[in-house]
C-alpha cells in the first residue's frame, strides 16, 4: 500500500532537516508544500504541488487522493506537523473523505523548540500555547501568573498579541522575549516589555515568551 508522509521540515533552515525527512522526500512520487518548503529539497525528483494559504483544503485533499491511488506522497509541514502543522487538517480531511490511506508522521524541529533553546528555557518549566490561525484566546491569561514562562505562537502578529494582553489587564511593563525567523541568517531575539514591543516591527514568523 502507498503511504502519505506528513513531514516536519524544521524552522526553515536546511541544516535543521532530519535524515528521516530527507529519506521520506526522496522516496515519494508527489511532494506537497509551500514554495519555501519545496525549495529546501532541490534534489527531489517527485512531482511538486505548491501549497498556499488560498488552496490548503484543495491541495491537501489532492495529496490524500494521490496516496490513496497508489502514489507515495509527502506533505511538508513547517516545524513539527503535530503543533500548528498540517497533521490535524489532514486527519480531518481523511475522515471526511472516507479514504483509506496509511499515514506516517516524520517529526521535525519546531520554532518553539528553537526559541526555548535560544532562551535556555527547559520545556518542563514552561507552558506552550498556540493561537496560530485561531484568534487570541483568554485561556492564556490563566497561565501568566503561575510562575512559569508562557511560550506563545501568536495568531497574526506580535503587536496584536501584546495589545490583546494589555487590554486584558496584563501589566504593560511585563517582560517578554520575541524570537523571530529562527534558524534563518537574519534571525533575532529581542528581550523587551509588552509596552515597548508595540513600537517595534516584526514579521509573521515569531514566537513570543511572556515571563
N, C-alpha and C. Protein backbone atom coordinates (compact mmCIF):
# COMPACT_ATOMS: atom_id res chain seq x y z
N UNK A 1 0.84 -1.19 0.00
CA UNK A 1 0.00 0.00 0.00
C UNK A 1 0.88 1.25 0.00
N UNK A 2 0.50 2.24 -0.77
CA UNK A 2 1.25 3.50 -0.79
C UNK A 2 1.01 4.24 0.52
N UNK A 3 1.81 5.27 0.73
CA UNK A 3 1.81 5.95 2.03
C UNK A 3 1.77 7.46 1.85
N UNK A 4 1.13 8.12 2.82
CA UNK A 4 1.13 9.57 2.89
C UNK A 4 2.03 9.98 4.06
N UNK A 5 3.15 10.59 3.73
CA UNK A 5 4.05 11.09 4.76
C UNK A 5 3.68 12.54 5.10
N UNK A 6 3.64 12.82 6.38
CA UNK A 6 3.48 14.20 6.83
C UNK A 6 4.81 14.57 7.48
N UNK A 7 5.57 15.40 6.78
CA UNK A 7 7.00 15.56 7.10
C UNK A 7 7.27 16.92 7.74
N UNK A 8 7.75 16.90 8.96
CA UNK A 8 8.20 18.12 9.61
C UNK A 8 9.53 18.56 9.02
N UNK A 9 9.60 19.81 8.61
CA UNK A 9 10.81 20.28 7.93
C UNK A 9 11.61 21.27 8.77
N UNK A 10 11.25 21.39 10.04
CA UNK A 10 12.02 22.27 10.90
C UNK A 10 11.63 23.72 10.74
N UNK A 11 12.39 24.62 11.39
CA UNK A 11 12.03 26.03 11.42
C UNK A 11 12.29 26.79 10.12
N UNK A 12 13.03 26.21 9.21
CA UNK A 12 13.21 26.90 7.93
C UNK A 12 14.56 26.70 7.28
N UNK A 13 15.59 26.48 8.06
CA UNK A 13 16.93 26.29 7.51
C UNK A 13 17.16 24.81 7.20
N UNK A 14 17.82 24.55 6.08
CA UNK A 14 18.05 23.16 5.67
C UNK A 14 18.88 22.39 6.70
N UNK A 15 19.71 23.08 7.46
CA UNK A 15 20.56 22.37 8.42
C UNK A 15 19.75 21.73 9.55
N UNK A 16 18.48 22.11 9.68
CA UNK A 16 17.64 21.50 10.71
C UNK A 16 16.72 20.42 10.16
N UNK A 17 16.89 20.04 8.90
CA UNK A 17 16.17 18.88 8.37
C UNK A 17 16.73 17.61 8.98
N UNK A 18 15.86 16.66 9.29
CA UNK A 18 16.33 15.37 9.81
C UNK A 18 16.65 14.43 8.65
N UNK A 19 17.47 13.43 8.93
CA UNK A 19 17.78 12.41 7.92
C UNK A 19 16.51 11.70 7.48
N UNK A 20 15.61 11.47 8.43
CA UNK A 20 14.35 10.80 8.11
C UNK A 20 13.52 11.63 7.14
N UNK A 21 13.50 12.95 7.33
CA UNK A 21 12.77 13.82 6.41
C UNK A 21 13.35 13.74 5.01
N UNK A 22 14.67 13.76 4.90
CA UNK A 22 15.33 13.66 3.60
C UNK A 22 15.02 12.33 2.92
N UNK A 23 15.04 11.26 3.70
CA UNK A 23 14.74 9.93 3.15
C UNK A 23 13.30 9.83 2.67
N UNK A 24 12.37 10.37 3.45
CA UNK A 24 10.96 10.31 3.08
C UNK A 24 10.71 11.06 1.78
N UNK A 25 11.28 12.26 1.67
CA UNK A 25 11.09 13.06 0.46
C UNK A 25 11.69 12.36 -0.75
N UNK A 26 12.82 11.72 -0.56
CA UNK A 26 13.48 11.02 -1.66
C UNK A 26 12.65 9.85 -2.17
N UNK A 27 11.81 9.28 -1.31
CA UNK A 27 11.09 8.06 -1.66
C UNK A 27 9.74 8.27 -2.34
N UNK A 28 9.26 9.52 -2.41
CA UNK A 28 7.87 9.73 -2.84
C UNK A 28 7.76 10.11 -4.31
N UNK A 29 6.53 9.96 -4.80
CA UNK A 29 6.20 10.33 -6.19
C UNK A 29 5.63 11.74 -6.28
N UNK A 30 5.02 12.20 -5.17
CA UNK A 30 4.37 13.51 -5.15
C UNK A 30 4.84 14.25 -3.89
N UNK A 31 5.22 15.51 -4.07
CA UNK A 31 5.72 16.31 -2.96
C UNK A 31 4.90 17.59 -2.87
N UNK A 32 4.28 17.81 -1.70
CA UNK A 32 3.38 18.94 -1.49
C UNK A 32 3.97 19.87 -0.43
N UNK A 33 4.00 21.16 -0.73
CA UNK A 33 4.49 22.10 0.28
C UNK A 33 4.45 23.52 -0.23
N UNK A 34 4.70 24.46 0.68
CA UNK A 34 4.80 25.86 0.28
C UNK A 34 6.03 26.03 -0.61
N UNK A 35 6.10 27.16 -1.28
CA UNK A 35 7.27 27.45 -2.12
C UNK A 35 8.54 27.36 -1.29
N UNK A 36 8.52 27.97 -0.11
CA UNK A 36 9.69 27.97 0.76
C UNK A 36 10.07 26.55 1.19
N UNK A 37 9.06 25.72 1.46
CA UNK A 37 9.34 24.34 1.87
C UNK A 37 9.91 23.52 0.72
N UNK A 38 9.33 23.66 -0.46
CA UNK A 38 9.80 22.90 -1.61
C UNK A 38 11.25 23.26 -1.96
N UNK A 39 11.61 24.51 -1.74
CA UNK A 39 12.97 24.96 -2.06
C UNK A 39 14.03 24.32 -1.17
N UNK A 40 13.62 23.73 -0.06
CA UNK A 40 14.57 23.04 0.81
C UNK A 40 15.04 21.72 0.22
N UNK A 41 14.35 21.24 -0.82
CA UNK A 41 14.65 19.92 -1.40
C UNK A 41 14.91 20.04 -2.90
N UNK A 42 15.98 20.73 -3.28
CA UNK A 42 16.25 20.93 -4.72
C UNK A 42 16.55 19.62 -5.45
N UNK A 43 16.95 18.59 -4.70
CA UNK A 43 17.29 17.31 -5.33
C UNK A 43 16.07 16.42 -5.54
N UNK A 44 14.90 16.83 -5.06
CA UNK A 44 13.69 15.98 -5.15
C UNK A 44 13.30 15.73 -6.60
N UNK A 45 12.96 14.49 -6.89
CA UNK A 45 12.53 14.09 -8.23
C UNK A 45 11.02 13.99 -8.35
N UNK A 46 10.32 14.14 -7.23
CA UNK A 46 8.87 13.96 -7.22
C UNK A 46 8.16 15.11 -7.94
N UNK A 47 6.92 14.84 -8.33
CA UNK A 47 6.06 15.91 -8.85
C UNK A 47 5.77 16.89 -7.72
N UNK A 48 6.03 18.16 -7.93
CA UNK A 48 5.81 19.15 -6.89
C UNK A 48 4.46 19.83 -7.02
N UNK A 49 3.77 19.98 -5.89
CA UNK A 49 2.49 20.68 -5.85
C UNK A 49 2.59 21.76 -4.79
N UNK A 50 2.34 23.01 -5.18
CA UNK A 50 2.51 24.11 -4.25
C UNK A 50 1.29 24.30 -3.36
N UNK A 51 1.56 24.44 -2.09
CA UNK A 51 0.52 24.64 -1.08
C UNK A 51 0.58 26.09 -0.60
N UNK A 52 -0.55 26.78 -0.64
CA UNK A 52 -0.60 28.17 -0.18
C UNK A 52 -1.81 28.41 0.68
N UNK A 53 -1.87 29.58 1.28
CA UNK A 53 -2.97 29.90 2.19
C UNK A 53 -4.32 29.84 1.47
N UNK A 54 -4.33 30.07 0.16
CA UNK A 54 -5.57 30.14 -0.61
C UNK A 54 -6.10 28.78 -1.06
N UNK A 55 -5.27 27.72 -0.95
CA UNK A 55 -5.69 26.44 -1.52
C UNK A 55 -5.43 25.25 -0.60
N UNK A 56 -5.38 25.49 0.70
CA UNK A 56 -5.00 24.44 1.65
C UNK A 56 -5.89 23.21 1.53
N UNK A 57 -7.20 23.39 1.61
CA UNK A 57 -8.11 22.24 1.59
C UNK A 57 -8.04 21.50 0.26
N UNK A 58 -7.99 22.25 -0.81
CA UNK A 58 -7.93 21.64 -2.15
C UNK A 58 -6.67 20.80 -2.33
N UNK A 59 -5.53 21.36 -1.94
CA UNK A 59 -4.26 20.66 -2.17
C UNK A 59 -4.09 19.49 -1.21
N UNK A 60 -4.49 19.65 0.05
CA UNK A 60 -4.39 18.52 0.98
C UNK A 60 -5.33 17.38 0.58
N UNK A 61 -6.49 17.74 0.05
CA UNK A 61 -7.40 16.71 -0.46
C UNK A 61 -6.75 15.96 -1.61
N UNK A 62 -6.12 16.70 -2.50
CA UNK A 62 -5.43 16.05 -3.62
C UNK A 62 -4.31 15.14 -3.12
N UNK A 63 -3.57 15.59 -2.10
CA UNK A 63 -2.48 14.77 -1.55
C UNK A 63 -3.01 13.44 -1.00
N UNK A 64 -4.12 13.52 -0.29
CA UNK A 64 -4.71 12.30 0.25
C UNK A 64 -5.16 11.36 -0.88
N UNK A 65 -5.78 11.92 -1.90
CA UNK A 65 -6.26 11.10 -3.02
C UNK A 65 -5.09 10.52 -3.82
N UNK A 66 -4.02 11.27 -3.96
CA UNK A 66 -2.83 10.76 -4.66
C UNK A 66 -2.28 9.54 -3.93
N UNK A 67 -2.18 9.63 -2.60
CA UNK A 67 -1.67 8.50 -1.82
C UNK A 67 -2.62 7.31 -1.89
N UNK A 68 -3.92 7.59 -1.84
CA UNK A 68 -4.91 6.51 -1.90
C UNK A 68 -4.91 5.82 -3.26
N UNK A 69 -4.49 6.53 -4.29
CA UNK A 69 -4.50 5.96 -5.65
C UNK A 69 -3.25 5.14 -5.95
N UNK A 70 -2.29 5.13 -5.01
CA UNK A 70 -1.10 4.30 -5.21
C UNK A 70 0.19 5.06 -5.38
N UNK A 71 0.16 6.37 -5.26
CA UNK A 71 1.38 7.17 -5.40
C UNK A 71 1.85 7.62 -4.01
N UNK A 72 3.06 7.24 -3.64
CA UNK A 72 3.61 7.70 -2.37
C UNK A 72 3.70 9.23 -2.40
N UNK A 73 3.20 9.84 -1.34
CA UNK A 73 3.07 11.30 -1.31
C UNK A 73 3.60 11.83 0.01
N UNK A 74 4.24 13.00 -0.04
CA UNK A 74 4.70 13.67 1.19
C UNK A 74 4.14 15.08 1.23
N UNK A 75 3.62 15.45 2.38
CA UNK A 75 3.20 16.83 2.63
C UNK A 75 4.21 17.43 3.60
N UNK A 76 4.82 18.53 3.20
CA UNK A 76 5.82 19.20 4.01
C UNK A 76 5.15 20.17 4.98
N UNK A 77 5.53 20.07 6.24
CA UNK A 77 4.91 20.90 7.28
C UNK A 77 6.00 21.65 8.03
N UNK A 78 5.93 22.97 8.04
CA UNK A 78 6.91 23.77 8.76
C UNK A 78 6.93 23.38 10.23
N UNK A 79 8.14 23.32 10.80
CA UNK A 79 8.26 22.93 12.19
C UNK A 79 7.94 21.46 12.37
N UNK A 80 7.07 21.16 13.32
CA UNK A 80 6.60 19.80 13.56
C UNK A 80 5.13 19.70 13.14
N UNK A 81 4.76 18.64 12.41
CA UNK A 81 3.38 18.53 11.90
C UNK A 81 2.32 18.51 12.99
N UNK A 82 2.70 18.10 14.20
CA UNK A 82 1.72 17.94 15.26
C UNK A 82 1.45 19.19 16.07
N UNK A 83 2.17 20.28 15.80
CA UNK A 83 1.95 21.52 16.56
C UNK A 83 1.72 22.66 15.60
N UNK A 84 0.46 23.06 15.45
CA UNK A 84 0.06 24.09 14.47
C UNK A 84 0.57 23.74 13.08
N UNK A 85 0.60 22.45 12.78
CA UNK A 85 1.06 21.98 11.47
C UNK A 85 -0.06 21.37 10.67
N UNK A 86 0.31 20.55 9.69
CA UNK A 86 -0.70 20.01 8.76
C UNK A 86 -1.31 18.68 9.21
N UNK A 87 -0.83 18.11 10.30
CA UNK A 87 -1.36 16.80 10.70
C UNK A 87 -2.86 16.86 11.01
N UNK A 88 -3.27 17.82 11.80
CA UNK A 88 -4.68 17.90 12.21
C UNK A 88 -5.62 18.04 11.00
N UNK A 89 -5.38 19.00 10.08
CA UNK A 89 -6.29 19.09 8.93
C UNK A 89 -6.25 17.87 8.02
N UNK A 90 -5.10 17.21 7.92
CA UNK A 90 -5.03 16.01 7.08
C UNK A 90 -5.86 14.89 7.68
N UNK A 91 -5.77 14.69 8.98
CA UNK A 91 -6.56 13.64 9.63
C UNK A 91 -8.05 13.91 9.48
N UNK A 92 -8.44 15.18 9.63
CA UNK A 92 -9.86 15.52 9.48
C UNK A 92 -10.33 15.29 8.05
N UNK A 93 -9.54 15.72 7.08
CA UNK A 93 -9.91 15.53 5.68
C UNK A 93 -10.00 14.05 5.33
N UNK A 94 -9.06 13.26 5.80
CA UNK A 94 -9.10 11.82 5.52
C UNK A 94 -10.40 11.21 6.04
N UNK A 95 -10.79 11.60 7.26
CA UNK A 95 -12.03 11.06 7.83
C UNK A 95 -13.24 11.57 7.06
N UNK A 96 -13.24 12.85 6.69
CA UNK A 96 -14.36 13.42 5.95
C UNK A 96 -14.52 12.77 4.58
N UNK A 97 -13.38 12.46 3.95
CA UNK A 97 -13.41 11.86 2.62
C UNK A 97 -13.72 10.37 2.66
N UNK A 98 -13.53 9.76 3.83
CA UNK A 98 -13.73 8.32 3.96
C UNK A 98 -12.71 7.52 3.17
N UNK A 99 -11.52 8.08 3.05
CA UNK A 99 -10.47 7.46 2.24
C UNK A 99 -9.56 6.64 3.15
N UNK A 100 -9.21 5.45 2.69
CA UNK A 100 -8.29 4.61 3.45
C UNK A 100 -6.87 4.83 2.93
N UNK A 101 -6.04 5.41 3.77
CA UNK A 101 -4.67 5.68 3.38
C UNK A 101 -3.78 5.60 4.62
N UNK A 102 -2.62 4.99 4.45
CA UNK A 102 -1.68 4.89 5.56
C UNK A 102 -0.93 6.21 5.71
N UNK A 103 -0.87 6.72 6.94
CA UNK A 103 -0.19 7.98 7.21
C UNK A 103 1.00 7.74 8.13
N UNK A 104 2.13 8.31 7.78
CA UNK A 104 3.30 8.27 8.67
C UNK A 104 3.77 9.69 8.92
N UNK A 105 3.91 10.04 10.18
CA UNK A 105 4.39 11.37 10.56
C UNK A 105 5.88 11.33 10.80
N UNK A 106 6.59 12.26 10.18
CA UNK A 106 8.02 12.43 10.41
C UNK A 106 8.18 13.71 11.25
N UNK A 107 8.51 13.58 12.53
CA UNK A 107 8.60 14.77 13.39
C UNK A 107 9.70 15.73 12.92
N UNK A 108 9.53 16.99 13.27
CA UNK A 108 10.53 17.99 12.92
C UNK A 108 10.82 18.92 14.08
N UNK A 109 11.86 19.72 13.95
CA UNK A 109 12.22 20.71 14.97
C UNK A 109 11.33 21.93 14.78
N UNK A 110 10.63 22.33 15.83
CA UNK A 110 9.71 23.47 15.70
C UNK A 110 10.39 24.77 16.12
N UNK A 111 9.79 25.88 15.70
CA UNK A 111 10.30 27.18 16.11
C UNK A 111 10.17 27.37 17.62
N UNK A 112 9.19 26.71 18.22
CA UNK A 112 9.05 26.76 19.68
C UNK A 112 10.26 26.12 20.35
N UNK A 113 10.70 24.98 19.82
CA UNK A 113 11.90 24.34 20.34
C UNK A 113 13.12 25.26 20.19
N UNK A 114 13.24 25.86 19.01
CA UNK A 114 14.37 26.76 18.75
C UNK A 114 14.36 27.94 19.72
N UNK A 115 13.20 28.51 19.93
CA UNK A 115 13.07 29.64 20.84
C UNK A 115 13.44 29.23 22.27
N UNK A 116 12.95 28.08 22.70
CA UNK A 116 13.28 27.59 24.04
C UNK A 116 14.78 27.39 24.19
N UNK A 117 15.40 26.85 23.15
CA UNK A 117 16.85 26.61 23.20
C UNK A 117 17.62 27.92 23.28
N UNK A 118 17.22 28.91 22.47
CA UNK A 118 17.91 30.20 22.46
C UNK A 118 17.83 30.89 23.81
N UNK A 119 16.67 30.73 24.48
CA UNK A 119 16.44 31.43 25.74
C UNK A 119 16.74 30.56 26.95
N UNK A 120 17.27 29.35 26.71
CA UNK A 120 17.64 28.42 27.79
C UNK A 120 16.46 28.11 28.70
N UNK A 121 15.30 27.83 28.08
CA UNK A 121 14.10 27.50 28.84
C UNK A 121 13.85 25.99 28.74
N UNK A 122 13.94 25.25 29.86
CA UNK A 122 13.57 23.83 29.82
C UNK A 122 12.08 23.68 29.51
N UNK A 123 11.76 22.70 28.68
CA UNK A 123 10.36 22.51 28.26
C UNK A 123 9.42 22.26 29.44
N UNK A 124 9.91 21.50 30.43
CA UNK A 124 9.02 21.17 31.54
C UNK A 124 8.92 22.31 32.55
N UNK A 125 9.53 23.46 32.20
CA UNK A 125 9.43 24.65 33.04
C UNK A 125 8.62 25.74 32.35
N UNK A 126 7.84 25.39 31.35
CA UNK A 126 7.11 26.41 30.59
C UNK A 126 5.74 25.88 30.19
N UNK A 127 4.83 26.82 29.91
CA UNK A 127 3.54 26.50 29.28
C UNK A 127 3.63 26.90 27.82
N UNK A 128 3.07 26.08 26.94
CA UNK A 128 3.16 26.33 25.50
C UNK A 128 1.75 26.45 24.94
N UNK A 129 1.50 27.57 24.24
CA UNK A 129 0.16 27.87 23.73
C UNK A 129 0.27 28.27 22.26
N UNK A 130 -0.61 27.75 21.44
CA UNK A 130 -0.69 28.22 20.06
C UNK A 130 -2.01 28.94 19.82
N UNK A 131 -1.90 30.14 19.27
CA UNK A 131 -3.07 30.90 18.83
C UNK A 131 -3.08 30.99 17.31
N UNK A 132 -2.11 30.37 16.69
CA UNK A 132 -1.91 30.48 15.24
C UNK A 132 -3.16 30.06 14.48
N UNK A 133 -3.75 31.00 13.76
CA UNK A 133 -4.94 30.71 12.97
C UNK A 133 -6.20 30.52 13.78
N UNK A 134 -6.13 30.78 15.10
CA UNK A 134 -7.29 30.53 15.96
C UNK A 134 -7.86 31.80 16.56
N UNK A 135 -7.10 32.87 16.52
CA UNK A 135 -7.52 34.10 17.20
C UNK A 135 -7.00 34.11 18.62
N UNK A 136 -6.95 35.30 19.21
CA UNK A 136 -6.47 35.42 20.59
C UNK A 136 -7.45 34.77 21.55
N UNK A 137 -6.91 34.08 22.54
CA UNK A 137 -7.75 33.33 23.47
C UNK A 137 -7.48 33.78 24.90
N UNK A 138 -8.55 34.01 25.64
CA UNK A 138 -8.42 34.38 27.03
C UNK A 138 -7.87 33.27 27.89
N UNK A 139 -7.83 32.03 27.36
CA UNK A 139 -7.30 30.92 28.15
C UNK A 139 -5.85 31.14 28.55
N UNK A 140 -5.12 31.90 27.73
CA UNK A 140 -3.70 32.12 28.04
C UNK A 140 -3.54 32.95 29.31
N UNK A 141 -4.53 33.77 29.62
CA UNK A 141 -4.43 34.64 30.79
C UNK A 141 -4.34 33.85 32.08
N UNK A 142 -4.92 32.66 32.09
CA UNK A 142 -4.90 31.83 33.30
C UNK A 142 -3.51 31.27 33.59
N UNK A 143 -2.64 31.30 32.57
CA UNK A 143 -1.30 30.71 32.72
C UNK A 143 -0.23 31.73 33.11
N UNK A 144 -0.53 33.00 32.95
CA UNK A 144 0.53 34.01 33.03
C UNK A 144 1.05 34.28 34.43
N UNK A 145 0.33 33.85 35.45
CA UNK A 145 0.77 34.13 36.82
C UNK A 145 1.05 32.86 37.62
N UNK A 146 1.45 31.80 36.90
CA UNK A 146 1.74 30.54 37.60
C UNK A 146 3.23 30.33 37.86
N UNK A 147 4.02 31.35 37.59
CA UNK A 147 5.45 31.26 37.87
C UNK A 147 6.28 30.66 36.76
N UNK A 148 5.64 30.25 35.66
CA UNK A 148 6.36 29.66 34.53
C UNK A 148 6.36 30.62 33.34
N UNK A 149 7.39 30.56 32.49
CA UNK A 149 7.32 31.30 31.23
C UNK A 149 6.19 30.72 30.37
N UNK A 150 5.52 31.59 29.63
CA UNK A 150 4.48 31.14 28.70
C UNK A 150 4.98 31.39 27.28
N UNK A 151 5.12 30.31 26.51
CA UNK A 151 5.62 30.39 25.14
C UNK A 151 4.41 30.37 24.21
N UNK A 152 4.29 31.42 23.38
CA UNK A 152 3.08 31.61 22.58
C UNK A 152 3.41 31.73 21.10
N UNK A 153 2.69 30.96 20.28
CA UNK A 153 2.68 31.21 18.84
C UNK A 153 1.53 32.18 18.58
N UNK A 154 1.83 33.42 18.18
CA UNK A 154 0.76 34.41 18.00
C UNK A 154 -0.19 34.05 16.86
N UNK A 155 -1.37 34.64 16.91
CA UNK A 155 -2.35 34.43 15.85
C UNK A 155 -1.90 35.10 14.55
N UNK A 156 -1.74 36.42 14.59
CA UNK A 156 -1.35 37.17 13.40
C UNK A 156 0.01 37.85 13.55
N UNK A 157 0.25 38.45 14.70
CA UNK A 157 1.50 39.17 14.86
C UNK A 157 1.77 39.51 16.30
N UNK A 158 2.98 40.00 16.54
CA UNK A 158 3.43 40.30 17.90
C UNK A 158 2.65 41.47 18.49
N UNK A 159 2.46 42.54 17.73
CA UNK A 159 1.74 43.71 18.24
C UNK A 159 0.30 43.36 18.61
N UNK A 160 -0.36 42.59 17.76
CA UNK A 160 -1.74 42.18 18.04
C UNK A 160 -1.81 41.43 19.37
N UNK A 161 -0.85 40.52 19.60
CA UNK A 161 -0.82 39.76 20.84
C UNK A 161 -0.55 40.68 22.04
N UNK A 162 0.42 41.58 21.90
CA UNK A 162 0.75 42.48 23.00
C UNK A 162 -0.44 43.37 23.35
N UNK A 163 -1.11 43.90 22.35
CA UNK A 163 -2.29 44.73 22.59
C UNK A 163 -3.38 43.94 23.31
N UNK A 164 -3.59 42.71 22.86
CA UNK A 164 -4.61 41.85 23.49
C UNK A 164 -4.29 41.61 24.96
N UNK A 165 -3.03 41.30 25.25
CA UNK A 165 -2.65 41.02 26.64
C UNK A 165 -2.81 42.26 27.52
N UNK A 166 -2.36 43.41 27.02
CA UNK A 166 -2.50 44.64 27.83
C UNK A 166 -3.97 45.03 27.99
N UNK A 167 -4.77 44.89 26.94
CA UNK A 167 -6.21 45.17 27.03
C UNK A 167 -6.89 44.23 28.02
N UNK A 168 -6.29 43.07 28.24
CA UNK A 168 -6.87 42.07 29.16
C UNK A 168 -6.35 42.24 30.58
N UNK A 169 -5.54 43.28 30.80
CA UNK A 169 -5.11 43.59 32.16
C UNK A 169 -3.69 43.20 32.51
N UNK A 170 -2.93 42.66 31.57
CA UNK A 170 -1.55 42.32 31.85
C UNK A 170 -0.72 43.60 31.90
N UNK A 171 0.16 43.69 32.87
CA UNK A 171 0.96 44.90 33.08
C UNK A 171 1.77 45.24 31.83
N UNK A 172 1.72 46.50 31.36
CA UNK A 172 2.49 46.90 30.18
C UNK A 172 4.00 46.67 30.34
N UNK A 173 4.49 46.70 31.58
CA UNK A 173 5.92 46.50 31.81
C UNK A 173 6.34 45.05 31.92
N UNK A 174 5.41 44.13 31.69
CA UNK A 174 5.73 42.69 31.80
C UNK A 174 6.84 42.32 30.82
N UNK A 175 7.82 41.58 31.32
CA UNK A 175 8.98 41.22 30.50
C UNK A 175 8.60 40.14 29.49
N UNK A 176 9.01 40.34 28.25
CA UNK A 176 8.77 39.34 27.20
C UNK A 176 10.02 39.19 26.34
N UNK A 177 10.01 38.15 25.55
CA UNK A 177 11.04 37.96 24.52
C UNK A 177 10.35 37.58 23.23
N UNK A 178 10.89 38.06 22.11
CA UNK A 178 10.37 37.71 20.79
C UNK A 178 11.50 37.03 20.01
N UNK A 179 11.23 35.82 19.56
CA UNK A 179 12.18 35.08 18.72
C UNK A 179 11.63 35.08 17.29
N UNK A 180 12.36 35.70 16.39
CA UNK A 180 11.88 35.88 15.02
C UNK A 180 12.78 35.14 14.02
N UNK A 181 12.14 34.48 13.05
CA UNK A 181 12.83 33.81 11.94
C UNK A 181 13.93 32.88 12.44
N UNK A 182 13.57 32.01 13.37
CA UNK A 182 14.52 31.08 13.94
C UNK A 182 15.17 30.22 12.87
N UNK A 183 16.49 30.10 12.95
CA UNK A 183 17.36 29.30 12.08
C UNK A 183 17.75 30.01 10.79
N UNK A 184 17.11 31.14 10.47
CA UNK A 184 17.47 31.88 9.26
C UNK A 184 18.68 32.79 9.54
N UNK A 185 19.40 33.20 8.51
CA UNK A 185 20.56 34.08 8.73
C UNK A 185 20.20 35.37 9.45
N UNK A 186 18.98 35.86 9.25
CA UNK A 186 18.58 37.12 9.88
C UNK A 186 17.69 36.90 11.11
N UNK A 187 17.83 35.74 11.75
CA UNK A 187 17.05 35.52 12.97
C UNK A 187 17.44 36.56 14.02
N UNK A 188 16.50 36.84 14.91
CA UNK A 188 16.83 37.75 16.01
C UNK A 188 16.01 37.40 17.25
N UNK A 189 16.58 37.70 18.39
CA UNK A 189 15.93 37.51 19.68
C UNK A 189 15.92 38.86 20.37
N UNK A 190 14.73 39.36 20.68
CA UNK A 190 14.57 40.68 21.29
C UNK A 190 13.93 40.50 22.66
N UNK A 191 14.59 40.96 23.69
CA UNK A 191 14.03 40.93 25.04
C UNK A 191 13.61 42.35 25.41
N UNK A 192 12.33 42.51 25.76
CA UNK A 192 11.78 43.84 25.96
C UNK A 192 10.56 43.74 26.88
N UNK A 193 9.65 44.70 26.77
CA UNK A 193 8.41 44.67 27.56
C UNK A 193 7.22 44.67 26.62
N UNK A 194 6.05 44.33 27.16
CA UNK A 194 4.82 44.34 26.35
C UNK A 194 4.58 45.71 25.74
N UNK A 195 4.76 46.74 26.54
CA UNK A 195 4.51 48.09 26.05
C UNK A 195 5.48 48.47 24.93
N UNK A 196 6.76 48.23 25.16
CA UNK A 196 7.77 48.66 24.20
C UNK A 196 7.72 47.86 22.89
N UNK A 197 7.27 46.62 22.97
CA UNK A 197 7.28 45.79 21.76
C UNK A 197 6.29 46.33 20.72
N UNK A 198 5.30 47.08 21.18
CA UNK A 198 4.30 47.60 20.25
C UNK A 198 4.88 48.61 19.27
N UNK A 199 6.02 49.19 19.61
CA UNK A 199 6.65 50.15 18.71
C UNK A 199 7.71 49.53 17.82
N UNK A 200 7.81 48.22 17.83
CA UNK A 200 8.82 47.52 17.04
C UNK A 200 8.17 46.80 15.87
N UNK A 201 8.94 46.57 14.84
CA UNK A 201 8.45 45.87 13.65
C UNK A 201 8.92 44.42 13.65
N UNK A 202 7.98 43.51 13.45
CA UNK A 202 8.30 42.08 13.34
C UNK A 202 7.52 41.49 12.19
N UNK A 203 8.06 40.43 11.59
CA UNK A 203 7.34 39.67 10.58
C UNK A 203 6.40 38.67 11.24
N UNK A 204 5.87 37.76 10.44
CA UNK A 204 4.89 36.81 10.97
C UNK A 204 5.53 35.55 11.56
N UNK A 205 6.83 35.35 11.32
CA UNK A 205 7.49 34.12 11.79
C UNK A 205 8.11 34.35 13.16
N UNK A 206 7.23 34.45 14.18
CA UNK A 206 7.69 34.81 15.51
C UNK A 206 7.12 33.88 16.57
N UNK A 207 7.89 33.72 17.64
CA UNK A 207 7.44 33.08 18.85
C UNK A 207 7.64 34.09 19.98
N UNK A 208 6.64 34.20 20.87
CA UNK A 208 6.69 35.16 21.96
C UNK A 208 6.73 34.41 23.29
N UNK A 209 7.61 34.87 24.17
CA UNK A 209 7.69 34.31 25.53
C UNK A 209 7.31 35.42 26.50
N UNK A 210 6.32 35.13 27.35
CA UNK A 210 5.94 36.07 28.40
C UNK A 210 6.46 35.49 29.72
N UNK A 211 7.31 36.26 30.39
CA UNK A 211 7.90 35.80 31.66
C UNK A 211 7.04 36.17 32.85
